[in-house]
N, C-alpha and C. Protein backbone atom coordinates (compact mmCIF):
# COMPACT_ATOMS: atom_id res chain seq x y z
N UNK A 1 -165.05 58.81 -29.44
CA UNK A 1 -165.92 58.98 -30.58
C UNK A 1 -165.15 58.59 -31.84
N UNK A 2 -165.80 57.72 -32.66
CA UNK A 2 -165.12 57.25 -33.87
C UNK A 2 -164.98 58.37 -34.88
N UNK A 3 -163.99 58.22 -35.69
CA UNK A 3 -163.73 59.19 -36.74
C UNK A 3 -164.77 59.00 -37.83
N UNK A 4 -165.53 60.02 -38.14
CA UNK A 4 -166.61 59.93 -39.13
C UNK A 4 -166.04 59.62 -40.51
N UNK A 5 -164.93 60.19 -40.84
CA UNK A 5 -164.32 59.96 -42.15
C UNK A 5 -163.92 58.49 -42.29
N UNK A 6 -163.40 57.91 -41.21
CA UNK A 6 -162.99 56.51 -41.24
C UNK A 6 -164.20 55.60 -41.41
N UNK A 7 -165.27 55.86 -40.69
CA UNK A 7 -166.49 55.05 -40.77
C UNK A 7 -167.08 55.16 -42.17
N UNK A 8 -167.12 56.38 -42.71
CA UNK A 8 -167.66 56.61 -44.04
C UNK A 8 -166.83 55.87 -45.09
N UNK A 9 -165.51 55.91 -44.96
CA UNK A 9 -164.62 55.23 -45.90
C UNK A 9 -164.85 53.72 -45.85
N UNK A 10 -165.00 53.12 -44.66
CA UNK A 10 -165.25 51.69 -44.52
C UNK A 10 -166.59 51.29 -45.13
N UNK A 11 -167.60 52.14 -44.93
CA UNK A 11 -168.93 51.85 -45.49
C UNK A 11 -168.90 51.91 -47.02
N UNK A 12 -168.21 52.88 -47.55
CA UNK A 12 -168.09 52.98 -49.02
C UNK A 12 -167.34 51.77 -49.57
N UNK A 13 -166.29 51.34 -48.90
CA UNK A 13 -165.52 50.17 -49.33
C UNK A 13 -166.39 48.91 -49.29
N UNK A 14 -167.18 48.76 -48.22
CA UNK A 14 -168.06 47.61 -48.09
C UNK A 14 -169.10 47.58 -49.22
N UNK A 15 -169.72 48.71 -49.48
CA UNK A 15 -170.72 48.80 -50.54
C UNK A 15 -170.11 48.56 -51.92
N UNK A 16 -168.90 49.06 -52.12
CA UNK A 16 -168.23 48.87 -53.41
C UNK A 16 -167.92 47.39 -53.63
N UNK A 17 -167.43 46.71 -52.59
CA UNK A 17 -167.15 45.27 -52.70
C UNK A 17 -168.42 44.49 -53.00
N UNK A 18 -169.51 44.86 -52.32
CA UNK A 18 -170.79 44.20 -52.54
C UNK A 18 -171.26 44.40 -53.98
N UNK A 19 -171.10 45.59 -54.48
CA UNK A 19 -171.51 45.90 -55.86
C UNK A 19 -170.66 45.15 -56.89
N UNK A 20 -169.36 45.11 -56.66
CA UNK A 20 -168.46 44.39 -57.56
C UNK A 20 -168.80 42.90 -57.54
N UNK A 21 -169.06 42.36 -56.38
CA UNK A 21 -169.39 40.95 -56.25
C UNK A 21 -170.68 40.62 -57.01
N UNK A 22 -171.68 41.43 -56.87
CA UNK A 22 -172.94 41.18 -57.58
C UNK A 22 -172.78 41.36 -59.09
N UNK A 23 -171.91 42.27 -59.50
CA UNK A 23 -171.67 42.50 -60.93
C UNK A 23 -170.90 41.35 -61.57
N UNK A 24 -170.01 40.74 -60.82
CA UNK A 24 -169.18 39.67 -61.39
C UNK A 24 -169.75 38.27 -61.14
N UNK A 25 -170.87 38.17 -60.46
CA UNK A 25 -171.45 36.85 -60.16
C UNK A 25 -171.81 36.12 -61.45
N UNK A 26 -172.44 36.78 -62.40
CA UNK A 26 -172.81 36.15 -63.68
C UNK A 26 -171.56 35.71 -64.43
N UNK A 27 -170.56 36.56 -64.44
CA UNK A 27 -169.30 36.22 -65.10
C UNK A 27 -168.65 34.99 -64.46
N UNK A 28 -168.70 34.92 -63.15
CA UNK A 28 -168.13 33.79 -62.43
C UNK A 28 -168.86 32.49 -62.78
N UNK A 29 -170.22 32.56 -62.85
CA UNK A 29 -171.00 31.38 -63.22
C UNK A 29 -170.66 30.93 -64.64
N UNK A 30 -170.55 31.89 -65.55
CA UNK A 30 -170.20 31.56 -66.93
C UNK A 30 -168.82 30.92 -67.02
N UNK A 31 -167.88 31.40 -66.24
CA UNK A 31 -166.53 30.86 -66.23
C UNK A 31 -166.53 29.42 -65.74
N UNK A 32 -167.28 29.16 -64.70
CA UNK A 32 -167.37 27.79 -64.17
C UNK A 32 -167.99 26.87 -65.22
N UNK A 33 -169.06 27.32 -65.89
CA UNK A 33 -169.71 26.52 -66.93
C UNK A 33 -168.75 26.24 -68.09
N UNK A 34 -167.99 27.24 -68.50
CA UNK A 34 -167.03 27.05 -69.58
C UNK A 34 -165.94 26.06 -69.19
N UNK A 35 -165.48 26.12 -67.96
CA UNK A 35 -164.46 25.18 -67.50
C UNK A 35 -165.01 23.76 -67.51
N UNK A 36 -166.28 23.60 -67.13
CA UNK A 36 -166.90 22.27 -67.18
C UNK A 36 -166.97 21.76 -68.62
N UNK A 37 -167.37 22.64 -69.53
CA UNK A 37 -167.47 22.25 -70.94
C UNK A 37 -166.10 21.86 -71.50
N UNK A 38 -165.08 22.62 -71.15
CA UNK A 38 -163.73 22.32 -71.63
C UNK A 38 -163.29 20.95 -71.11
N UNK A 39 -163.57 20.67 -69.85
CA UNK A 39 -163.21 19.37 -69.28
C UNK A 39 -163.97 18.25 -69.98
N UNK A 40 -165.25 18.48 -70.25
CA UNK A 40 -166.07 17.49 -70.95
C UNK A 40 -165.54 17.25 -72.36
N UNK A 41 -165.20 18.32 -73.05
CA UNK A 41 -164.65 18.18 -74.41
C UNK A 41 -163.32 17.43 -74.37
N UNK A 42 -162.52 17.70 -73.38
CA UNK A 42 -161.25 17.00 -73.25
C UNK A 42 -161.45 15.50 -73.07
N UNK A 43 -162.43 15.13 -72.23
CA UNK A 43 -162.73 13.71 -72.04
C UNK A 43 -163.24 13.08 -73.34
N UNK A 44 -164.11 13.80 -74.06
CA UNK A 44 -164.65 13.27 -75.31
C UNK A 44 -163.56 13.11 -76.37
N UNK A 45 -162.66 14.07 -76.44
CA UNK A 45 -161.55 13.99 -77.40
C UNK A 45 -160.67 12.80 -77.07
N UNK A 46 -160.37 12.62 -75.80
CA UNK A 46 -159.53 11.48 -75.40
C UNK A 46 -160.22 10.16 -75.76
N UNK A 47 -161.52 10.10 -75.54
CA UNK A 47 -162.28 8.89 -75.89
C UNK A 47 -162.25 8.64 -77.39
N UNK A 48 -162.46 9.70 -78.17
CA UNK A 48 -162.44 9.57 -79.63
C UNK A 48 -161.06 9.17 -80.14
N UNK A 49 -160.02 9.70 -79.53
CA UNK A 49 -158.67 9.33 -79.94
C UNK A 49 -158.39 7.86 -79.66
N UNK A 50 -158.86 7.37 -78.50
CA UNK A 50 -158.69 5.95 -78.19
C UNK A 50 -159.45 5.10 -79.21
N UNK A 51 -160.68 5.49 -79.54
CA UNK A 51 -161.48 4.75 -80.51
C UNK A 51 -160.82 4.78 -81.89
N UNK A 52 -160.29 5.94 -82.27
CA UNK A 52 -159.61 6.08 -83.55
C UNK A 52 -158.39 5.17 -83.62
N UNK A 53 -157.65 5.11 -82.55
CA UNK A 53 -156.46 4.26 -82.48
C UNK A 53 -156.85 2.79 -82.62
N UNK A 54 -157.94 2.40 -81.92
CA UNK A 54 -158.42 1.02 -81.98
C UNK A 54 -158.86 0.67 -83.40
N UNK A 55 -159.61 1.57 -84.04
CA UNK A 55 -160.07 1.31 -85.40
C UNK A 55 -158.90 1.29 -86.39
N UNK A 56 -157.92 2.12 -86.15
CA UNK A 56 -156.72 2.12 -87.01
C UNK A 56 -156.01 0.78 -86.95
N UNK A 57 -155.93 0.20 -85.76
CA UNK A 57 -155.31 -1.11 -85.63
C UNK A 57 -156.11 -2.18 -86.37
N UNK A 58 -157.44 -2.07 -86.31
CA UNK A 58 -158.28 -3.03 -87.03
C UNK A 58 -158.08 -2.91 -88.54
N UNK A 59 -158.00 -1.68 -89.02
CA UNK A 59 -157.80 -1.46 -90.46
C UNK A 59 -156.44 -2.00 -90.88
N UNK A 60 -155.42 -1.74 -90.09
CA UNK A 60 -154.09 -2.27 -90.41
C UNK A 60 -154.08 -3.79 -90.42
N UNK A 61 -154.79 -4.39 -89.48
CA UNK A 61 -154.88 -5.85 -89.44
C UNK A 61 -155.59 -6.37 -90.69
N UNK A 62 -156.63 -5.65 -91.12
CA UNK A 62 -157.35 -6.04 -92.33
C UNK A 62 -156.49 -5.93 -93.57
N UNK A 63 -155.66 -4.91 -93.62
CA UNK A 63 -154.77 -4.74 -94.76
C UNK A 63 -153.71 -5.84 -94.81
N UNK A 64 -153.22 -6.21 -93.64
CA UNK A 64 -152.20 -7.25 -93.58
C UNK A 64 -152.77 -8.60 -94.00
N UNK A 65 -154.06 -8.80 -93.71
CA UNK A 65 -154.69 -10.07 -94.03
C UNK A 65 -155.23 -10.09 -95.46
N UNK A 66 -154.93 -9.07 -96.24
CA UNK A 66 -155.47 -9.00 -97.59
C UNK A 66 -154.80 -10.02 -98.51
N UNK A 67 -155.48 -10.31 -99.59
CA UNK A 67 -154.98 -11.26 -100.57
C UNK A 67 -153.85 -10.59 -101.35
N UNK A 68 -152.77 -11.31 -101.53
CA UNK A 68 -151.63 -10.78 -102.27
C UNK A 68 -151.84 -11.02 -103.75
N UNK A 69 -151.61 -9.97 -104.54
CA UNK A 69 -151.77 -10.05 -105.98
C UNK A 69 -150.49 -9.54 -106.62
N UNK A 70 -149.99 -10.28 -107.61
CA UNK A 70 -148.75 -9.86 -108.26
C UNK A 70 -149.03 -8.70 -109.23
N UNK A 71 -148.02 -7.90 -109.46
CA UNK A 71 -148.15 -6.76 -110.38
C UNK A 71 -148.46 -7.21 -111.79
N UNK A 72 -147.91 -8.33 -112.19
CA UNK A 72 -148.15 -8.86 -113.53
C UNK A 72 -149.62 -9.27 -113.68
N UNK A 73 -150.14 -9.86 -112.63
CA UNK A 73 -151.54 -10.29 -112.64
C UNK A 73 -152.48 -9.09 -112.76
N UNK A 74 -152.13 -8.01 -112.08
CA UNK A 74 -152.94 -6.80 -112.13
C UNK A 74 -152.87 -6.17 -113.52
N UNK A 75 -151.69 -6.15 -114.09
CA UNK A 75 -151.53 -5.56 -115.42
C UNK A 75 -152.32 -6.31 -116.47
N UNK A 76 -152.33 -7.63 -116.39
CA UNK A 76 -153.00 -8.45 -117.39
C UNK A 76 -154.52 -8.45 -117.24
N UNK A 77 -155.02 -8.11 -116.06
CA UNK A 77 -156.46 -8.17 -115.82
C UNK A 77 -157.19 -7.17 -116.71
N UNK A 78 -158.25 -7.65 -117.34
CA UNK A 78 -159.10 -6.80 -118.18
C UNK A 78 -160.44 -6.69 -117.47
N UNK A 79 -160.66 -5.56 -116.84
CA UNK A 79 -161.85 -5.39 -116.01
C UNK A 79 -162.86 -4.53 -116.76
N UNK A 80 -164.09 -5.03 -116.84
CA UNK A 80 -165.17 -4.32 -117.53
C UNK A 80 -166.30 -4.04 -116.55
N UNK A 81 -167.27 -3.26 -117.01
CA UNK A 81 -168.44 -2.96 -116.19
C UNK A 81 -169.21 -4.22 -115.86
N UNK A 82 -169.30 -5.11 -116.82
CA UNK A 82 -170.01 -6.37 -116.62
C UNK A 82 -169.33 -7.19 -115.52
N UNK A 83 -168.00 -7.17 -115.49
CA UNK A 83 -167.26 -7.91 -114.48
C UNK A 83 -167.51 -7.32 -113.09
N UNK A 84 -167.54 -6.00 -113.00
CA UNK A 84 -167.82 -5.34 -111.72
C UNK A 84 -169.19 -5.78 -111.21
N UNK A 85 -170.18 -5.76 -112.10
CA UNK A 85 -171.54 -6.17 -111.72
C UNK A 85 -171.57 -7.63 -111.29
N UNK A 86 -170.85 -8.49 -112.00
CA UNK A 86 -170.87 -9.91 -111.66
C UNK A 86 -170.17 -10.18 -110.32
N UNK A 87 -169.09 -9.47 -110.05
CA UNK A 87 -168.40 -9.63 -108.76
C UNK A 87 -169.33 -9.19 -107.63
N UNK A 88 -169.99 -8.06 -107.85
CA UNK A 88 -170.92 -7.53 -106.85
C UNK A 88 -172.08 -8.51 -106.65
N UNK A 89 -172.56 -9.10 -107.75
CA UNK A 89 -173.65 -10.06 -107.67
C UNK A 89 -173.23 -11.34 -106.96
N UNK A 90 -172.01 -11.77 -107.19
CA UNK A 90 -171.47 -12.99 -106.56
C UNK A 90 -171.51 -12.85 -105.04
N UNK A 91 -171.16 -11.68 -104.55
CA UNK A 91 -171.12 -11.46 -103.11
C UNK A 91 -172.43 -10.90 -102.56
N UNK A 92 -173.40 -10.62 -103.46
CA UNK A 92 -174.70 -10.06 -103.08
C UNK A 92 -174.52 -8.77 -102.28
N UNK A 93 -173.75 -7.84 -102.84
CA UNK A 93 -173.45 -6.58 -102.17
C UNK A 93 -174.14 -5.42 -102.89
N UNK A 94 -174.50 -4.41 -102.11
CA UNK A 94 -174.98 -3.18 -102.72
C UNK A 94 -173.76 -2.41 -103.24
N UNK A 95 -174.04 -1.39 -104.03
CA UNK A 95 -172.92 -0.58 -104.54
C UNK A 95 -172.17 0.06 -103.39
N UNK A 96 -172.90 0.49 -102.36
CA UNK A 96 -172.26 1.15 -101.22
C UNK A 96 -171.36 0.17 -100.46
N UNK A 97 -171.83 -1.06 -100.25
CA UNK A 97 -171.01 -2.06 -99.55
C UNK A 97 -169.78 -2.45 -100.38
N UNK A 98 -169.99 -2.60 -101.68
CA UNK A 98 -168.88 -2.95 -102.55
C UNK A 98 -167.84 -1.82 -102.56
N UNK A 99 -168.32 -0.58 -102.56
CA UNK A 99 -167.42 0.57 -102.51
C UNK A 99 -166.63 0.57 -101.21
N UNK A 100 -167.30 0.25 -100.11
CA UNK A 100 -166.63 0.20 -98.81
C UNK A 100 -165.55 -0.88 -98.81
N UNK A 101 -165.86 -2.01 -99.44
CA UNK A 101 -164.92 -3.12 -99.52
C UNK A 101 -163.66 -2.72 -100.31
N UNK A 102 -163.86 -1.94 -101.38
CA UNK A 102 -162.73 -1.52 -102.22
C UNK A 102 -162.06 -0.24 -101.73
N UNK A 103 -162.74 0.49 -100.86
CA UNK A 103 -162.18 1.75 -100.37
C UNK A 103 -162.34 2.89 -101.36
N UNK A 104 -163.47 2.88 -102.10
CA UNK A 104 -163.77 3.96 -103.03
C UNK A 104 -165.16 4.50 -102.70
N UNK A 105 -165.57 5.54 -103.40
CA UNK A 105 -166.89 6.13 -103.19
C UNK A 105 -167.96 5.31 -103.91
N UNK A 106 -169.17 5.25 -103.35
CA UNK A 106 -170.26 4.52 -104.02
C UNK A 106 -170.54 5.03 -105.43
N UNK A 107 -170.38 6.33 -105.64
CA UNK A 107 -170.60 6.90 -106.97
C UNK A 107 -169.60 6.33 -107.97
N UNK A 108 -168.42 6.01 -107.52
CA UNK A 108 -167.39 5.42 -108.39
C UNK A 108 -167.86 4.07 -108.91
N UNK A 109 -168.44 3.26 -108.04
CA UNK A 109 -168.96 1.95 -108.45
C UNK A 109 -170.05 2.14 -109.48
N UNK A 110 -170.94 3.09 -109.23
CA UNK A 110 -172.02 3.38 -110.17
C UNK A 110 -171.45 3.75 -111.55
N UNK A 111 -170.45 4.61 -111.56
CA UNK A 111 -169.85 5.04 -112.82
C UNK A 111 -169.12 3.90 -113.52
N UNK A 112 -168.45 3.04 -112.77
CA UNK A 112 -167.78 1.90 -113.36
C UNK A 112 -168.80 0.97 -114.03
N UNK A 113 -169.93 0.76 -113.37
CA UNK A 113 -170.93 -0.16 -113.90
C UNK A 113 -171.65 0.40 -115.12
N UNK A 114 -171.71 1.70 -115.27
CA UNK A 114 -172.41 2.32 -116.40
C UNK A 114 -171.52 2.51 -117.62
N UNK A 115 -170.21 2.43 -117.43
CA UNK A 115 -169.27 2.69 -118.51
C UNK A 115 -169.22 1.51 -119.48
N UNK A 116 -168.99 1.79 -120.73
CA UNK A 116 -168.89 0.75 -121.76
C UNK A 116 -167.43 0.37 -121.96
N UNK A 117 -167.19 -0.92 -122.23
CA UNK A 117 -165.85 -1.37 -122.56
C UNK A 117 -164.93 -1.52 -121.36
N UNK A 118 -163.64 -1.45 -121.67
CA UNK A 118 -162.61 -1.65 -120.66
C UNK A 118 -162.54 -0.43 -119.73
N UNK A 119 -162.37 -0.69 -118.46
CA UNK A 119 -162.31 0.40 -117.48
C UNK A 119 -160.87 0.80 -117.21
N UNK A 120 -160.69 2.08 -116.92
CA UNK A 120 -159.38 2.58 -116.50
C UNK A 120 -159.48 2.98 -115.04
N UNK A 121 -158.39 2.80 -114.30
CA UNK A 121 -158.42 3.02 -112.86
C UNK A 121 -157.30 3.94 -112.43
N UNK A 122 -157.53 4.59 -111.29
CA UNK A 122 -156.51 5.41 -110.65
C UNK A 122 -156.01 4.67 -109.42
N UNK A 123 -154.78 4.95 -109.08
CA UNK A 123 -154.22 4.37 -107.85
C UNK A 123 -154.20 2.86 -107.87
N UNK A 124 -154.53 2.27 -106.74
CA UNK A 124 -154.48 0.81 -106.62
C UNK A 124 -155.86 0.17 -106.70
N UNK A 125 -156.83 0.86 -107.29
CA UNK A 125 -158.19 0.33 -107.40
C UNK A 125 -158.23 -0.97 -108.18
N UNK A 126 -157.48 -1.04 -109.27
CA UNK A 126 -157.48 -2.24 -110.10
C UNK A 126 -156.94 -3.43 -109.30
N UNK A 127 -155.88 -3.20 -108.55
CA UNK A 127 -155.30 -4.27 -107.73
C UNK A 127 -156.29 -4.73 -106.67
N UNK A 128 -157.05 -3.80 -106.10
CA UNK A 128 -158.04 -4.17 -105.10
C UNK A 128 -159.15 -5.02 -105.71
N UNK A 129 -159.58 -4.67 -106.93
CA UNK A 129 -160.62 -5.44 -107.60
C UNK A 129 -160.12 -6.86 -107.89
N UNK A 130 -158.90 -6.96 -108.39
CA UNK A 130 -158.32 -8.28 -108.68
C UNK A 130 -158.23 -9.10 -107.39
N UNK A 131 -157.86 -8.46 -106.30
CA UNK A 131 -157.76 -9.16 -105.02
C UNK A 131 -159.13 -9.60 -104.52
N UNK A 132 -160.13 -8.74 -104.68
CA UNK A 132 -161.48 -9.05 -104.21
C UNK A 132 -162.06 -10.22 -104.99
N UNK A 133 -161.70 -10.33 -106.27
CA UNK A 133 -162.19 -11.45 -107.08
C UNK A 133 -161.80 -12.79 -106.48
N UNK A 134 -160.68 -12.84 -105.78
CA UNK A 134 -160.17 -14.09 -105.23
C UNK A 134 -160.79 -14.44 -103.87
N UNK A 135 -161.53 -13.52 -103.28
CA UNK A 135 -162.09 -13.77 -101.95
C UNK A 135 -163.32 -14.66 -102.02
N UNK A 136 -163.66 -15.24 -100.87
CA UNK A 136 -164.89 -16.00 -100.76
C UNK A 136 -165.97 -15.12 -100.14
N UNK A 137 -167.21 -15.59 -100.20
CA UNK A 137 -168.33 -14.82 -99.66
C UNK A 137 -168.14 -14.59 -98.17
N UNK A 138 -167.70 -15.61 -97.45
CA UNK A 138 -167.52 -15.46 -96.00
C UNK A 138 -166.40 -14.47 -95.67
N UNK A 139 -165.34 -14.45 -96.46
CA UNK A 139 -164.26 -13.47 -96.23
C UNK A 139 -164.75 -12.05 -96.48
N UNK A 140 -165.58 -11.87 -97.50
CA UNK A 140 -166.11 -10.55 -97.80
C UNK A 140 -167.00 -10.07 -96.66
N UNK A 141 -167.87 -10.95 -96.19
CA UNK A 141 -168.76 -10.57 -95.07
C UNK A 141 -167.94 -10.25 -93.83
N UNK A 142 -166.89 -10.99 -93.60
CA UNK A 142 -166.02 -10.74 -92.45
C UNK A 142 -165.37 -9.37 -92.55
N UNK A 143 -164.90 -9.04 -93.75
CA UNK A 143 -164.26 -7.74 -93.96
C UNK A 143 -165.23 -6.58 -93.80
N UNK A 144 -166.47 -6.80 -94.19
CA UNK A 144 -167.48 -5.75 -94.05
C UNK A 144 -168.11 -5.73 -92.67
N UNK A 145 -167.79 -6.73 -91.85
CA UNK A 145 -168.31 -6.76 -90.50
C UNK A 145 -169.74 -7.25 -90.42
N UNK A 146 -170.18 -8.03 -91.41
CA UNK A 146 -171.54 -8.54 -91.42
C UNK A 146 -171.54 -9.98 -90.92
N UNK A 147 -172.70 -10.40 -90.44
CA UNK A 147 -172.84 -11.77 -89.95
C UNK A 147 -173.48 -12.65 -90.98
């Protein structure tokens, strides 16, 4: 005859395991879903990093192919709002495209065009404008990625 205490202990253990398993089933599913999401995010980050690296190389190549302007030439240049408008008109660019070409914000172009008299610049903006003046329409379109 089996020991009643032993049988009772085994039954309680079996029921407890069953209860724990049913209680942790939702947690287990959530864990698996989170692991999938983490793996997906990892793949997306790796893809974005590769794309960023590729675009960085393109930007560097574009900078290397830029028109060289002497410091003296930049200092002597007198750039006005009218000149900014005429350069933009020559290339038939919107303010946003012209801003992209110079590496400034579109609002900056708007402010330059509205200002009276001689313009003052920060950083290398003046040098970029002087360099852009020397470009051809096809070079500008190439730099902006337009056909």
